[in-house]
């Protein structure tokens, strides 16, 4: 629900409590570990956050069937899964992050982060640190995942509502109302903000860590070179785009357009958008399977998830889930 609230322009941007002051160890920039034999044999599962239900619904992607909903906070709005697939972390608008042990699909003790409105979090490729934006406090808080303890809040731009981390683990990008702010994961220090026009919405980073794609409310996508911070040519997509994901091979960017109930594919080689793909009503979130074969789109007002084949860019049969699904993540 977090990204939808921001996108709709109805977010009450009031001052919230600051994050705890305990320091967290910086995350080292390392290559993600190869999956274990046990991971390779484990079925891939998508986890969908249902804002109105206060639950997370697991979807078995092999059969597109749902499991028992997992009760989390009162207003969950975002989710991220550790690279080893052992734990999911759910950001709740009560100012807490709830860990879920995926082996048993049980929620653990909540982690108190800051104010009452947290944005979309991200986890470093080495699985050591989660970065959680606090919208009201205009900060990003690192959480040491070995102990589930929050570190010192990092000041960024106005009202940050989402973060993304480069696959090489070196930089966290915090998205706020005026652009993106790079944060060094080695020092947890913020750099100079890169301005982006059009009321920013969401962002994603290519697997080679070279380009950040920033989606704006005005129906555009702006590519930014991570090496220089320079903006590229703006790409036109659908009405009110609210979510974005990039295929593991880095060839295609998929942008969810909530206002036109479509998904727009973009070729990273040419920067050109393809034919829009029709999905459910008010699509809100997107995730792609690790093999890059299927895109899953959560439709807020249909209470469904739409699978899309990346080979054909055709939508499959919708999957019924909980009330108002607004976030989705897939196990490695």
Protein backbone atom coordinates (compact mmCIF):
# COMPACT_ATOMS: atom_id res chain seq x y z
CA UNK A 1 0.00 0.00 0.00
CA UNK A 2 2.93 2.34 0.58
CA UNK A 3 3.74 2.92 -3.08
CA UNK A 4 0.06 3.24 -3.95
CA UNK A 5 -0.46 5.92 -1.30
CA UNK A 6 2.48 7.90 -2.62
CA UNK A 7 1.39 7.41 -6.20
CA UNK A 8 -2.13 8.55 -5.52
CA UNK A 9 -0.90 11.74 -3.89
CA UNK A 10 -2.91 11.09 -0.72
CA UNK A 11 0.00 10.44 1.62
CA UNK A 12 -0.15 12.42 4.85
CA UNK A 13 3.47 13.51 5.16
CA UNK A 14 3.49 14.31 8.87
CA UNK A 15 6.57 14.35 11.09
CA UNK A 16 7.24 10.91 12.55
CA UNK A 17 9.52 9.53 15.26
CA UNK A 18 13.20 9.19 14.44
CA UNK A 19 14.96 5.84 14.12
CA UNK A 20 17.04 4.26 16.92
CA UNK A 21 20.61 5.51 17.22
CA UNK A 22 22.45 2.19 17.57
CA UNK A 23 25.16 1.77 14.92
CA UNK A 24 25.08 -1.08 12.41
CA UNK A 25 28.10 -2.66 10.79
CA UNK A 26 28.51 -1.68 7.13
CA UNK A 27 27.80 -4.36 4.56
CA UNK A 28 30.71 -5.65 2.52
CA UNK A 29 30.42 -5.57 -1.26
CA UNK A 30 30.53 -9.24 -2.21
CA UNK A 31 29.15 -11.44 -4.92
CA UNK A 32 26.00 -13.34 -3.82
CA UNK A 33 26.69 -16.92 -2.82
CA UNK A 34 25.70 -19.69 -5.21
CA UNK A 35 22.51 -21.50 -4.20
CA UNK A 36 22.99 -24.68 -2.18
CA UNK A 37 21.76 -28.09 -3.29
CA UNK A 38 18.90 -27.75 -0.79
CA UNK A 39 17.91 -24.40 -2.33
CA UNK A 40 18.03 -25.85 -5.82
CA UNK A 41 15.56 -28.56 -4.78
CA UNK A 42 13.23 -26.16 -2.96
CA UNK A 43 10.14 -25.08 -4.93
CA UNK A 44 10.04 -21.38 -5.77
CA UNK A 45 7.45 -19.43 -3.80
CA UNK A 46 6.07 -15.93 -4.28
CA UNK A 47 4.98 -13.98 -1.19
CA UNK A 48 2.22 -11.40 -1.60
CA UNK A 49 1.54 -8.69 0.97
CA UNK A 50 -2.16 -8.00 1.60
CA UNK A 51 -2.48 -4.52 3.11
CA UNK A 52 -6.13 -4.65 4.16
CA UNK A 53 -5.86 -8.20 5.55
CA UNK A 54 -2.66 -7.64 7.50
CA UNK A 55 -1.33 -10.88 6.02
CA UNK A 56 1.20 -12.34 3.58
CA UNK A 57 0.00 -15.01 1.12
CA UNK A 58 2.48 -17.61 -0.23
CA UNK A 59 1.97 -18.72 -3.86
CA UNK A 60 3.53 -21.98 -5.10
CA UNK A 61 4.71 -20.89 -8.55
CA UNK A 62 4.89 -24.43 -9.95
CA UNK A 63 1.14 -24.82 -9.57
CA UNK A 64 0.00 -21.20 -8.99
CA UNK A 65 -1.84 -22.31 -5.86
CA UNK A 66 -1.90 -20.38 -2.58
CA UNK A 67 -0.84 -21.46 0.90
CA UNK A 68 -2.13 -20.44 4.33
CA UNK A 69 -1.95 -16.64 4.90
CA UNK A 70 0.69 -15.50 7.40
CA UNK A 71 -0.45 -12.90 9.93
CA UNK A 72 1.97 -9.97 10.22
CA UNK A 73 1.42 -6.32 11.24
CA UNK A 74 -1.71 -4.23 11.06
CA UNK A 75 -0.83 -2.41 7.82
CA UNK A 76 1.92 -4.28 5.90
CA UNK A 77 3.06 -2.54 2.74
CA UNK A 78 6.37 -3.95 1.46
CA UNK A 79 8.44 -7.14 1.50
CA UNK A 80 11.99 -8.31 0.72
CA UNK A 81 13.58 -11.76 0.93
CA UNK A 82 17.15 -12.59 1.93
CA UNK A 83 19.34 -13.95 -0.91
CA UNK A 84 19.57 -17.39 0.72
CA UNK A 85 15.76 -17.61 0.78
CA UNK A 86 15.54 -18.22 4.52
CA UNK A 87 13.76 -15.09 5.71
CA UNK A 88 11.32 -12.48 4.41
CA UNK A 89 11.15 -9.02 5.96
CA UNK A 90 7.84 -7.12 5.86
CA UNK A 91 7.65 -3.36 6.44
CA UNK A 92 4.55 -2.34 8.35
CA UNK A 93 3.08 1.15 8.60
CA UNK A 94 3.21 0.86 12.38
CA UNK A 95 6.94 1.59 12.12
CA UNK A 96 8.02 -2.03 12.48
CA UNK A 97 9.72 -4.63 10.27
CA UNK A 98 8.46 -8.19 10.74
CA UNK A 99 10.72 -11.16 9.87
CA UNK A 100 9.10 -14.32 8.50
CA UNK A 101 10.91 -17.65 8.70
CA UNK A 102 10.18 -19.16 5.29
CA UNK A 103 10.94 -22.76 6.27
CA UNK A 104 7.85 -22.68 8.48
CA UNK A 105 6.06 -19.54 7.20
CA UNK A 106 5.90 -18.13 10.73
CA UNK A 107 6.34 -14.48 11.73
CA UNK A 108 9.03 -13.57 14.27
CA UNK A 109 9.57 -10.70 16.71
CA UNK A 110 8.98 -7.28 15.15
CA UNK A 111 11.93 -4.90 14.72
CA UNK A 112 11.21 -1.31 15.75
CA UNK A 113 12.67 1.00 13.10
CA UNK A 114 11.28 4.52 13.34
CA UNK A 115 8.13 6.40 12.48
CA UNK A 116 4.69 5.10 11.66
CA UNK A 117 5.11 5.02 7.88
CA UNK A 118 7.89 2.89 6.43
CA UNK A 119 8.64 2.58 2.71
CA UNK A 120 9.75 -0.30 0.50
CA UNK A 121 12.87 -1.95 1.94
CA UNK A 122 15.77 -3.78 0.25
CA UNK A 123 18.43 -6.29 1.33
CA UNK A 124 22.10 -6.31 0.31
CA UNK A 125 23.25 -9.17 -1.98
CA UNK A 126 25.37 -10.65 0.82
CA UNK A 127 22.26 -10.86 3.02
CA UNK A 128 23.83 -8.94 5.88
CA UNK A 129 21.90 -5.67 5.88
CA UNK A 130 18.39 -4.44 5.12
CA UNK A 131 17.81 -0.76 4.32
CA UNK A 132 14.42 0.64 5.35
CA UNK A 133 13.20 4.13 4.33
CA UNK A 134 11.29 6.14 6.93
CA UNK A 135 9.02 8.44 4.94
CA UNK A 136 8.11 10.93 7.66
CA UNK A 137 11.62 11.24 9.09
CA UNK A 138 13.32 11.57 5.67
CA UNK A 139 15.84 8.90 6.65
CA UNK A 140 16.97 5.39 5.74
CA UNK A 141 17.73 2.91 8.54
CA UNK A 142 20.12 -0.03 8.10
CA UNK A 143 19.22 -3.24 9.97
CA UNK A 144 21.90 -5.82 10.82
CA UNK A 145 20.14 -9.05 9.89
CA UNK A 146 22.39 -11.36 11.90
CA UNK A 147 20.87 -9.86 15.05
CA UNK A 148 17.84 -8.01 13.62
CA UNK A 149 19.02 -4.76 15.22
CA UNK A 150 18.53 -1.34 13.59
CA UNK A 151 21.48 1.02 13.09
CA UNK A 152 21.81 4.79 12.96
CA UNK A 153 19.37 6.49 10.59
CA UNK A 154 20.86 8.06 7.44
CA UNK A 155 19.52 11.44 6.37
CA UNK A 156 18.49 11.59 2.69
CA UNK A 157 16.03 13.66 0.58
CA UNK A 158 12.47 14.64 1.44
CA UNK A 159 10.11 11.75 2.23
CA UNK A 160 12.03 8.69 0.93
CA UNK A 161 9.61 5.87 0.19
CA UNK A 162 11.72 3.20 -1.52
CA UNK A 163 15.29 1.91 -1.73
CA UNK A 164 17.14 -0.32 -4.20
CA UNK A 165 20.63 -1.80 -3.93
CA UNK A 166 23.07 -2.37 -6.77
CA UNK A 167 23.69 -6.09 -7.41
CA UNK A 168 27.40 -5.57 -6.66
CA UNK A 169 26.33 -4.46 -3.18
CA UNK A 170 28.23 -1.17 -3.23
CA UNK A 171 25.42 1.39 -3.31
CA UNK A 172 21.90 1.81 -1.96
CA UNK A 173 19.70 4.27 -3.84
CA UNK A 174 16.98 6.01 -1.82
CA UNK A 175 14.05 7.31 -3.85
CA UNK A 176 12.32 10.44 -2.59
CA UNK A 177 9.93 13.04 -3.99
CA UNK A 178 12.66 14.91 -5.85
CA UNK A 179 14.98 12.19 -7.12
CA UNK A 180 17.41 9.56 -5.82
CA UNK A 181 20.17 9.72 -3.20
CA UNK A 182 23.09 7.24 -3.38
CA UNK A 183 24.26 5.71 -0.06
CA UNK A 184 27.60 3.91 0.24
CA UNK A 185 27.01 0.53 1.92
CA UNK A 186 30.65 0.53 3.08
CA UNK A 187 30.23 3.72 5.11
CA UNK A 188 26.44 4.22 5.29
CA UNK A 189 26.97 7.81 4.15
CA UNK A 190 24.66 9.55 1.69
CA UNK A 191 25.94 11.24 -1.46
CA UNK A 192 24.51 14.10 -3.51
CA UNK A 193 20.92 13.75 -4.65
CA UNK A 194 20.26 13.16 -8.38
CA UNK A 195 17.18 15.14 -9.38
CA UNK A 196 14.44 13.46 -11.45
CA UNK A 197 11.37 15.28 -12.79
CA UNK A 198 7.76 14.18 -12.86
CA UNK A 199 7.00 13.16 -9.25
CA UNK A 200 9.07 10.01 -8.73
CA UNK A 201 7.37 6.68 -7.95
CA UNK A 202 9.69 3.63 -7.95
CA UNK A 203 13.12 2.50 -9.13
CA UNK A 204 15.06 -0.60 -10.19
CA UNK A 205 18.70 -1.38 -11.01
CA UNK A 206 20.04 -3.56 -13.83
CA UNK A 207 21.82 -6.82 -12.86
CA UNK A 208 25.16 -5.42 -14.05
CA UNK A 209 24.74 -2.49 -11.61
CA UNK A 210 25.29 0.03 -14.42
CA UNK A 211 21.87 1.67 -14.70
CA UNK A 212 19.15 2.86 -12.33
CA UNK A 213 15.67 3.21 -13.86
CA UNK A 214 13.44 5.74 -12.08
CA UNK A 215 9.69 5.73 -12.75
CA UNK A 216 7.75 8.99 -12.45
CA UNK A 217 4.05 9.69 -11.95
CA UNK A 218 3.85 11.59 -15.25
CA UNK A 219 4.20 8.33 -17.20
CA UNK A 220 7.95 8.40 -17.82
CA UNK A 221 11.00 6.30 -16.94
CA UNK A 222 14.43 7.96 -16.51
CA UNK A 223 17.61 5.88 -16.83
CA UNK A 224 20.60 7.01 -14.71
CA UNK A 225 24.19 5.80 -15.15
CA UNK A 226 25.50 4.67 -11.75
CA UNK A 227 29.10 5.44 -12.70
CA UNK A 228 28.45 9.12 -13.46
CA UNK A 229 25.03 9.93 -12.02
CA UNK A 230 23.97 11.27 -15.42
CA UNK A 231 20.40 10.96 -16.65
CA UNK A 232 19.62 9.36 -20.02
CA UNK A 233 16.76 9.87 -22.47
CA UNK A 234 13.32 9.73 -20.88
CA UNK A 235 11.11 6.74 -21.88
CA UNK A 236 7.31 7.04 -22.19
CA UNK A 237 5.12 4.32 -20.60
CA UNK A 238 1.44 4.09 -19.45
CA UNK A 239 -0.82 6.06 -17.13
CA UNK A 240 0.28 6.41 -13.50
CA UNK A 241 3.17 3.89 -13.44
CA UNK A 242 3.74 2.55 -9.91
CA UNK A 243 6.07 -0.46 -10.05
CA UNK A 244 9.06 -1.78 -11.99
CA UNK A 245 11.14 -4.96 -12.32
CA UNK A 246 14.03 -6.05 -14.54
CA UNK A 247 14.63 -9.56 -15.91
CA UNK A 248 17.67 -11.43 -14.49
CA UNK A 249 19.42 -11.24 -17.88
CA UNK A 250 19.03 -7.45 -17.83
CA UNK A 251 17.39 -7.33 -21.25
CA UNK A 252 13.88 -6.16 -20.35
CA UNK A 253 12.37 -3.68 -17.91
CA UNK A 254 8.70 -4.19 -16.98
CA UNK A 255 6.74 -1.16 -15.75
CA UNK A 256 3.32 -1.50 -14.06
CA UNK A 257 0.81 1.20 -15.05
CA UNK A 258 -1.99 1.36 -12.46
CA UNK A 259 -3.98 4.00 -14.33
CA UNK A 260 -4.21 2.01 -17.57
CA UNK A 261 -4.25 -1.53 -16.01
CA UNK A 262 -1.25 -2.53 -18.11
CA UNK A 263 2.41 -3.50 -17.96
CA UNK A 264 4.89 -1.92 -20.40
CA UNK A 265 8.01 -3.89 -21.43
CA UNK A 266 11.12 -1.81 -22.26
CA UNK A 267 14.20 -3.05 -24.11
CA UNK A 268 17.31 -2.01 -22.17
CA UNK A 269 19.37 -2.27 -25.39
CA UNK A 270 17.29 0.31 -27.27
CA UNK A 271 15.40 2.14 -24.53
CA UNK A 272 12.17 1.63 -26.49
CA UNK A 273 8.86 0.56 -24.93
CA UNK A 274 6.94 -2.43 -26.33
CA UNK A 275 3.21 -3.11 -26.61
CA UNK A 276 1.39 -2.73 -23.27
CA UNK A 277 0.18 -5.98 -21.63
CA UNK A 278 -3.31 -5.97 -20.09
CA UNK A 279 -3.52 -7.21 -16.47
CA UNK A 280 -6.01 -6.81 -13.57
CA UNK A 281 -7.65 -3.73 -12.06
CA UNK A 282 -5.27 -1.23 -10.46
CA UNK A 283 -2.06 -3.28 -10.70
CA UNK A 284 0.28 -2.33 -7.87
CA UNK A 285 3.36 -4.55 -7.60
CA UNK A 286 5.57 -6.80 -9.71
CA UNK A 287 8.18 -9.55 -9.33
CA UNK A 288 10.01 -11.85 -11.77
CA UNK A 289 10.98 -15.49 -11.19
CA UNK A 290 14.73 -16.20 -10.82
CA UNK A 291 14.80 -18.04 -14.17
CA UNK A 292 13.34 -14.96 -15.85
CA UNK A 293 10.48 -16.86 -17.44
CA UNK A 294 7.48 -15.40 -15.60
CA UNK A 295 6.44 -11.97 -14.37
CA UNK A 296 3.90 -11.82 -11.50
CA UNK A 297 1.76 -8.68 -11.14
CA UNK A 298 -0.35 -8.01 -8.02
CA UNK A 299 -3.67 -6.31 -8.85
CA UNK A 300 -4.91 -4.26 -5.90
CA UNK A 301 -8.59 -3.96 -6.77
CA UNK A 302 -9.00 -7.38 -8.41
CA UNK A 303 -7.51 -9.24 -5.42
CA UNK A 304 -5.53 -11.24 -7.97
CA UNK A 305 -2.01 -11.86 -9.26
CA UNK A 306 -1.48 -12.01 -13.04
CA UNK A 307 1.33 -14.20 -14.44
CA UNK A 308 3.01 -13.00 -17.66
CA UNK A 309 5.27 -15.08 -19.89
CA UNK A 310 8.44 -13.13 -20.70
CA UNK A 311 8.91 -15.21 -23.87
CA UNK A 312 5.64 -13.98 -25.37
CA UNK A 313 4.69 -11.02 -23.13
CA UNK A 314 1.21 -12.57 -22.80
CA UNK A 315 -0.80 -12.62 -19.58
CA UNK A 316 -2.02 -15.90 -18.11
CA UNK A 317 -5.00 -16.77 -15.93
CA UNK A 318 -5.32 -14.53 -12.83
CA UNK A 319 -4.62 -16.10 -9.40
CA UNK A 320 -6.96 -15.19 -6.51
CA UNK A 321 -5.21 -13.99 -3.33
CA UNK A 322 -6.12 -11.90 -0.25
CA UNK A 323 -7.71 -8.48 0.04
CA UNK A 324 -5.83 -5.61 -1.65
CA UNK A 325 -2.50 -7.27 -2.56
CA UNK A 326 0.05 -4.46 -2.81
CA UNK A 327 3.50 -6.08 -2.67
CA UNK A 328 5.10 -9.27 -3.93
CA UNK A 329 8.47 -11.06 -3.65
CA UNK A 330 9.80 -14.40 -4.92
CA UNK A 331 12.23 -16.81 -3.21
CA UNK A 332 15.61 -17.37 -4.89
